Every structure is written in C-alpha cells, then in structure tokens.
Amino acid sequence: MTQLTRGSAADIQDTNPNGASNGASSSLAAEVDQRHLWNEHHRKYWHSEERSTPAPLAHLLAAQLSPGRRILELGCGSGRDAVHLQSLGHTVTASDFSEFAIRENVHAWRTSGVRFLAQDLRTPLAFPEGAFDAVYARLSLHYFSDSVTRDVFREIHRVLRPGGLILFSCRSVDDPLYGQGEKLGPQLYRSGGQVRHFFSEWYTRQVLSAGPRFTINDLSRRDELIYSEHSSIIQCLAHREEG
C-alpha cells in the first residue's frame, strides 16, 4: 500500500532526523516562491505523455541493482520511476518538493507500495545514516547554489550505505537554457521564475570528490528531450566510498 509521510516540507525543514534544529535557509527561498512554482508546473504537465512511462535513467538504475534494494528517489515528480522500480522488487521511498505531486502520487499509486513524502532538498534528509542502497535523482539536483548543492551531496552520502549507488542527471552548461535570465551565481540563473544550476563534467567531478567522497563509475554529457525541448544533460553513476 502506498504511504504518505504526513507533514509539510516546512516541518522537515525545521528539524533533522536527530531532532536538532538545522537552522538552514537559502536566500533563494526569499527571492522566489519555488514551491508554488513547482506545484503549478506539476499541475500543468501532470498528464503529459512524457510522464506516463519510466525514464531511460530508471531502466539504467534497475540494470545496476539486484532485487530487494532500498532506493531513495529525490524529485519523484509523477512517481512513474519510483513505481517502476518498486515493481521490480525494490523498496522505494520517493520524495518531492511539491506537495501537489506528493498528494497526487499517493492517490494515483495507492496500491504500489511506494512510500511518498515531501522533502525540501535544501534541508537535511529525513533518514538515518546508511538507510539506502541507492539514491536516484533525475533532473532534481540542479536548482541550488554551489554551497547548497554540496550540502545536498553530503546528505546523499550520509544516507547511502558504504558502496551504495547514486545515479543522477542535471542540465549541463551546454543546455540551450544556459545563460538565460538573471545570473545569481556561478552557473546559476533564474529564468521564468525558475532557478537552475547548470553542471559541467568538471564541476560534477569536483563536487563528488570534495568532502565525503564518491567514486565515479560513469560520467557523460547527453542530449535529451525534456518536455519536447532539446536539452543537454550531465549523467553520472557513482558509488559511496567505503568507510
């Protein structure tokens, strides 16, 4: 049975899993109502054909895992990838910033067994250390400043078991949207109300090797259609180093 972890993203933002106040906030939160923007985005595209079948990236993750793995998806959107991975015998927890997406997923996938919850990635992940065998994030990690991005990867490292996998994709600096709108920081722009941080291969390697370390298994730049628009993405498969 599909589960919803009750409580708003604000509830998650105020405390970490140990109950201590994290005090974390982003200047971007005051500049842009990103939660409202994403709720409206999901309402607009909820029934689009692109969101009705699992993404190729989800199939790639499935090929890396034996059955029975514990998977955390960050930015689950329509829930299609989480439900597909759950159907293969994994135990999937799927999170998203959008409360609209979480509510719709709980209703649409109520018999799937996936656990859905609201999670603001600018705050500590609401899970204990080593809770997951894999973390999956398709186009959900490129919305933050450099400092917040590094915090996000530290949290991913924390909730992965030693040797656990991370598979993610982000818009690249070769994407047609790169450089559009107001520049907020290095490779960070706001356009149409949406904040995007564009990744390069160099930046991806640097983030994964600084602080808690990941070993990269595969890193590439790819062209992809995102809502029928030609896009350029960075795709990375890595694993948490032992110890």
Protein backbone atom coordinates (compact mmCIF):
# COMPACT_ATOMS: atom_id res chain seq x y z
CA MET A 1 0.00 0.00 0.00
CA THR A 2 1.33 3.43 -0.91
CA GLN A 3 2.30 5.52 2.08
CA LEU A 4 2.43 9.26 2.61
CA THR A 5 4.62 10.70 5.31
CA ARG A 6 2.42 13.41 6.75
CA GLY A 7 3.65 16.91 7.45
CA SER A 8 4.66 19.73 5.17
CA ALA A 9 8.08 20.41 3.74
CA ALA A 10 8.33 23.16 6.33
CA ASP A 11 8.09 20.51 9.05
CA ILE A 12 11.03 18.68 7.52
CA GLN A 13 12.95 21.91 7.12
CA ASP A 14 12.83 22.76 10.82
CA THR A 15 14.36 19.59 12.19
CA ASN A 16 16.89 16.95 11.21
CA PRO A 17 16.47 13.21 11.92
CA ASN A 18 18.10 13.63 15.34
CA GLY A 19 15.59 16.28 16.32
CA ALA A 20 18.02 19.21 16.30
CA SER A 21 17.15 22.45 14.55
CA ASN A 22 19.20 22.75 11.39
CA GLY A 23 18.63 26.49 11.01
CA ALA A 24 19.24 26.13 7.29
CA SER A 25 17.66 28.55 4.89
CA SER A 26 18.52 29.69 1.41
CA SER A 27 18.49 33.27 0.19
CA LEU A 28 16.75 31.89 -2.90
CA ALA A 29 13.73 30.96 -0.77
CA ALA A 30 13.10 34.63 -0.03
CA GLU A 31 13.57 35.63 -3.68
CA VAL A 32 11.39 33.08 -5.42
CA ASP A 33 8.38 31.07 -4.30
CA GLN A 34 9.79 27.85 -5.74
CA ARG A 35 7.26 25.58 -4.04
CA HIS A 36 4.34 27.42 -5.65
CA LEU A 37 6.16 27.35 -8.99
CA TRP A 38 6.67 23.58 -8.83
CA ASN A 39 3.11 22.91 -7.70
CA GLU A 40 1.89 24.80 -10.76
CA HIS A 41 4.44 23.08 -13.02
CA HIS A 42 3.21 19.66 -11.96
CA ARG A 43 -0.42 20.67 -12.41
CA LYS A 44 0.36 21.78 -15.97
CA TYR A 45 2.28 18.67 -17.02
CA TRP A 46 0.74 16.00 -14.79
CA HIS A 47 -0.96 14.13 -17.64
CA SER A 48 1.70 14.71 -20.30
CA GLU A 49 2.74 11.64 -22.29
CA GLU A 50 6.39 12.06 -21.26
CA ARG A 51 5.46 11.46 -17.61
CA SER A 52 3.44 8.30 -18.22
CA THR A 53 6.26 5.76 -18.68
CA PRO A 54 9.55 5.17 -16.81
CA ALA A 55 12.50 7.28 -17.93
CA PRO A 56 15.53 5.58 -19.53
CA LEU A 57 17.53 6.62 -16.47
CA ALA A 58 15.29 4.47 -14.26
CA HIS A 59 15.95 1.47 -16.50
CA LEU A 60 19.67 2.18 -16.21
CA LEU A 61 19.46 2.11 -12.41
CA ALA A 62 17.45 -1.10 -12.47
CA ALA A 63 20.18 -2.75 -14.53
CA GLN A 64 22.73 -1.94 -11.80
CA LEU A 65 20.81 -3.47 -8.91
CA SER A 66 19.88 -6.92 -7.68
CA PRO A 67 16.28 -7.26 -6.41
CA GLY A 68 15.39 -6.19 -2.90
CA ARG A 69 17.42 -2.97 -2.78
CA ARG A 70 16.34 0.07 -0.75
CA ILE A 71 16.05 3.06 -3.09
CA LEU A 72 15.52 6.76 -2.35
CA GLU A 73 14.28 8.92 -5.21
CA LEU A 74 14.84 12.67 -4.90
CA GLY A 75 12.39 14.67 -7.02
CA CYS A 76 9.95 11.93 -7.95
CA GLY A 77 7.59 14.14 -9.98
CA SER A 78 4.78 11.97 -11.36
CA GLY A 79 6.03 8.91 -9.48
CA ARG A 80 6.43 6.79 -12.62
CA ASP A 81 10.08 5.85 -11.97
CA ALA A 82 9.51 5.05 -8.31
CA VAL A 83 6.56 2.80 -9.11
CA HIS A 84 8.53 1.03 -11.86
CA LEU A 85 11.47 0.34 -9.54
CA GLN A 86 9.13 -0.87 -6.79
CA SER A 87 7.51 -3.27 -9.28
CA LEU A 88 10.92 -4.88 -9.86
CA GLY A 89 11.12 -5.98 -6.23
CA HIS A 90 12.83 -2.99 -4.65
CA THR A 91 11.63 -0.96 -1.67
CA VAL A 92 11.28 2.64 -2.84
CA THR A 93 10.91 5.88 -0.90
CA ALA A 94 10.04 8.73 -3.27
CA SER A 95 10.29 12.39 -2.28
CA ASP A 96 9.49 15.69 -3.93
CA PHE A 97 9.49 19.39 -3.04
CA SER A 98 5.99 19.77 -4.49
CA GLU A 99 3.19 18.94 -2.08
CA PHE A 100 0.83 18.75 -5.07
CA ALA A 101 2.97 15.99 -6.61
CA ILE A 102 3.06 14.04 -3.37
CA ARG A 103 -0.72 14.23 -2.88
CA GLU A 104 -1.40 13.18 -6.47
CA ASN A 105 1.07 10.29 -6.25
CA VAL A 106 -0.48 8.97 -3.05
CA HIS A 107 -3.85 8.93 -4.78
CA ALA A 108 -2.67 7.58 -8.15
CA TRP A 109 -0.28 4.93 -6.85
CA ARG A 110 -2.02 3.96 -3.61
CA THR A 111 -1.57 0.21 -4.23
CA SER A 112 2.03 0.37 -5.49
CA GLY A 113 3.77 0.05 -2.12
CA VAL A 114 5.92 3.16 -2.72
CA ARG A 115 6.33 5.45 0.26
CA PHE A 116 5.88 9.10 -0.79
CA LEU A 117 6.91 12.11 1.27
CA ALA A 118 7.55 15.85 0.95
CA GLN A 119 11.23 16.81 1.23
CA ASP A 120 12.96 20.14 0.70
CA LEU A 121 16.45 19.22 -0.51
CA ARG A 122 17.90 22.39 0.99
CA THR A 123 17.41 20.77 4.39
CA PRO A 124 18.72 17.51 5.92
CA LEU A 125 17.21 14.35 4.50
CA ALA A 126 14.78 12.80 6.97
CA PHE A 127 16.53 9.41 7.13
CA PRO A 128 19.23 7.76 9.26
CA GLU A 129 22.77 7.12 8.10
CA GLY A 130 23.17 4.25 5.65
CA ALA A 131 19.42 3.82 5.15
CA PHE A 132 19.57 3.20 1.38
CA ASP A 133 21.38 1.05 -1.15
CA ALA A 134 20.81 3.56 -3.96
CA VAL A 135 19.78 7.18 -4.48
CA TYR A 136 18.14 8.17 -7.77
CA ALA A 137 17.70 11.79 -8.86
CA ARG A 138 16.62 12.65 -12.38
CA LEU A 139 16.79 16.39 -13.08
CA SER A 140 16.24 17.34 -9.44
CA LEU A 141 19.69 18.36 -8.14
CA HIS A 142 20.35 21.38 -10.37
CA TYR A 143 18.25 24.02 -8.61
CA PHE A 144 20.62 25.20 -5.88
CA SER A 145 23.64 27.40 -5.27
CA ASP A 146 27.06 25.77 -5.07
CA SER A 147 27.06 25.71 -1.26
CA VAL A 148 23.59 24.15 -1.06
CA THR A 149 24.47 21.66 -3.81
CA ARG A 150 27.45 20.48 -1.77
CA ASP A 151 25.23 20.13 1.29
CA VAL A 152 22.81 18.01 -0.74
CA PHE A 153 25.58 15.64 -1.83
CA ARG A 154 26.83 15.38 1.75
CA GLU A 155 23.35 14.32 2.80
CA ILE A 156 23.15 11.81 -0.03
CA HIS A 157 26.49 10.37 1.09
CA ARG A 158 25.20 10.13 4.65
CA VAL A 159 22.01 8.21 3.84
CA LEU A 160 23.76 5.80 1.45
CA ARG A 161 25.34 2.66 2.84
CA PRO A 162 29.09 2.28 2.08
CA GLY A 163 29.33 1.16 -1.53
CA GLY A 164 25.78 2.35 -2.25
CA LEU A 165 25.00 3.83 -5.68
CA ILE A 166 23.90 7.27 -6.76
CA LEU A 167 22.54 7.82 -10.26
CA PHE A 168 21.57 11.36 -11.25
CA SER A 169 21.20 13.72 -14.18
CA CYS A 170 21.36 17.54 -14.30
CA ARG A 171 21.15 20.16 -17.02
CA SER A 172 24.61 20.89 -18.39
CA VAL A 173 26.39 24.12 -19.29
CA ASP A 174 25.74 23.15 -22.95
CA ASP A 175 21.98 23.27 -22.44
CA PRO A 176 20.06 25.81 -24.57
CA LEU A 177 18.73 27.41 -21.37
CA TYR A 178 22.22 28.12 -20.04
CA GLY A 179 22.84 31.85 -19.52
CA GLN A 180 19.20 32.87 -19.87
CA GLY A 181 17.70 35.25 -17.32
CA GLU A 182 19.26 36.77 -14.23
CA LYS A 183 22.62 35.46 -13.08
CA LEU A 184 22.50 34.59 -9.37
CA GLY A 185 25.93 32.98 -9.04
CA PRO A 186 28.44 30.73 -10.85
CA GLN A 187 26.47 28.74 -13.46
CA LEU A 188 23.29 29.72 -11.56
CA TYR A 189 20.46 31.57 -13.34
CA ARG A 190 16.83 32.47 -12.72
CA SER A 191 14.57 32.48 -15.77
CA GLY A 192 10.79 32.48 -15.84
CA GLY A 193 10.82 32.31 -12.05
CA GLN A 194 12.79 29.04 -12.03
CA VAL A 195 16.30 28.79 -10.61
CA ARG A 196 18.71 26.45 -12.43
CA HIS A 197 22.31 25.47 -11.65
CA PHE A 198 24.00 24.12 -14.79
CA PHE A 199 26.59 21.35 -14.29
CA SER A 200 29.79 20.70 -16.20
CA GLU A 201 31.73 17.43 -16.12
CA TRP A 202 34.50 19.22 -14.21
CA TYR A 203 32.07 20.57 -11.62
CA THR A 204 30.44 17.17 -11.15
CA ARG A 205 33.81 15.53 -10.54
CA GLN A 206 34.79 18.28 -8.13
CA VAL A 207 31.60 18.07 -6.06
CA LEU A 208 31.79 14.29 -5.81
CA SER A 209 35.43 14.30 -4.75
CA ALA A 210 35.28 17.12 -2.19
CA GLY A 211 34.22 16.34 1.38
CA PRO A 212 32.53 12.93 1.73
CA ARG A 213 33.78 11.10 -1.32
CA PHE A 214 32.12 9.23 -4.16
CA THR A 215 33.87 7.16 -6.80
CA ILE A 216 32.54 7.84 -10.30
CA ASN A 217 31.60 4.76 -12.32
CA ASP A 218 30.39 6.63 -15.39
CA LEU A 219 30.07 10.32 -16.28
CA SER A 220 28.87 11.67 -19.62
CA ARG A 221 27.11 14.52 -21.36
CA ARG A 222 24.00 13.55 -23.28
CA ASP A 223 21.29 15.12 -25.39
CA GLU A 224 17.75 14.51 -24.20
CA LEU A 225 14.22 15.68 -24.89
CA ILE A 226 12.68 17.34 -21.83
CA TYR A 227 9.04 18.27 -22.38
CA SER A 228 9.66 18.05 -26.14
CA GLU A 229 12.55 20.52 -25.96
CA HIS A 230 16.12 19.58 -26.90
CA SER A 231 18.29 19.68 -23.79
CA SER A 232 21.83 18.83 -22.77
CA ILE A 233 22.37 16.92 -19.54
CA ILE A 234 25.16 15.59 -17.38
CA GLN A 235 24.52 11.98 -16.37
CA CYS A 236 26.50 10.36 -13.57
CA LEU A 237 26.66 6.96 -11.91
CA ALA A 238 28.83 6.83 -8.78
CA HIS A 239 29.11 4.96 -5.51
CA ARG A 240 29.84 5.97 -1.94
CA GLU A 241 33.38 5.09 -0.98
CA GLU A 242 33.84 2.59 1.83
CA GLY A 243 34.50 3.99 5.29
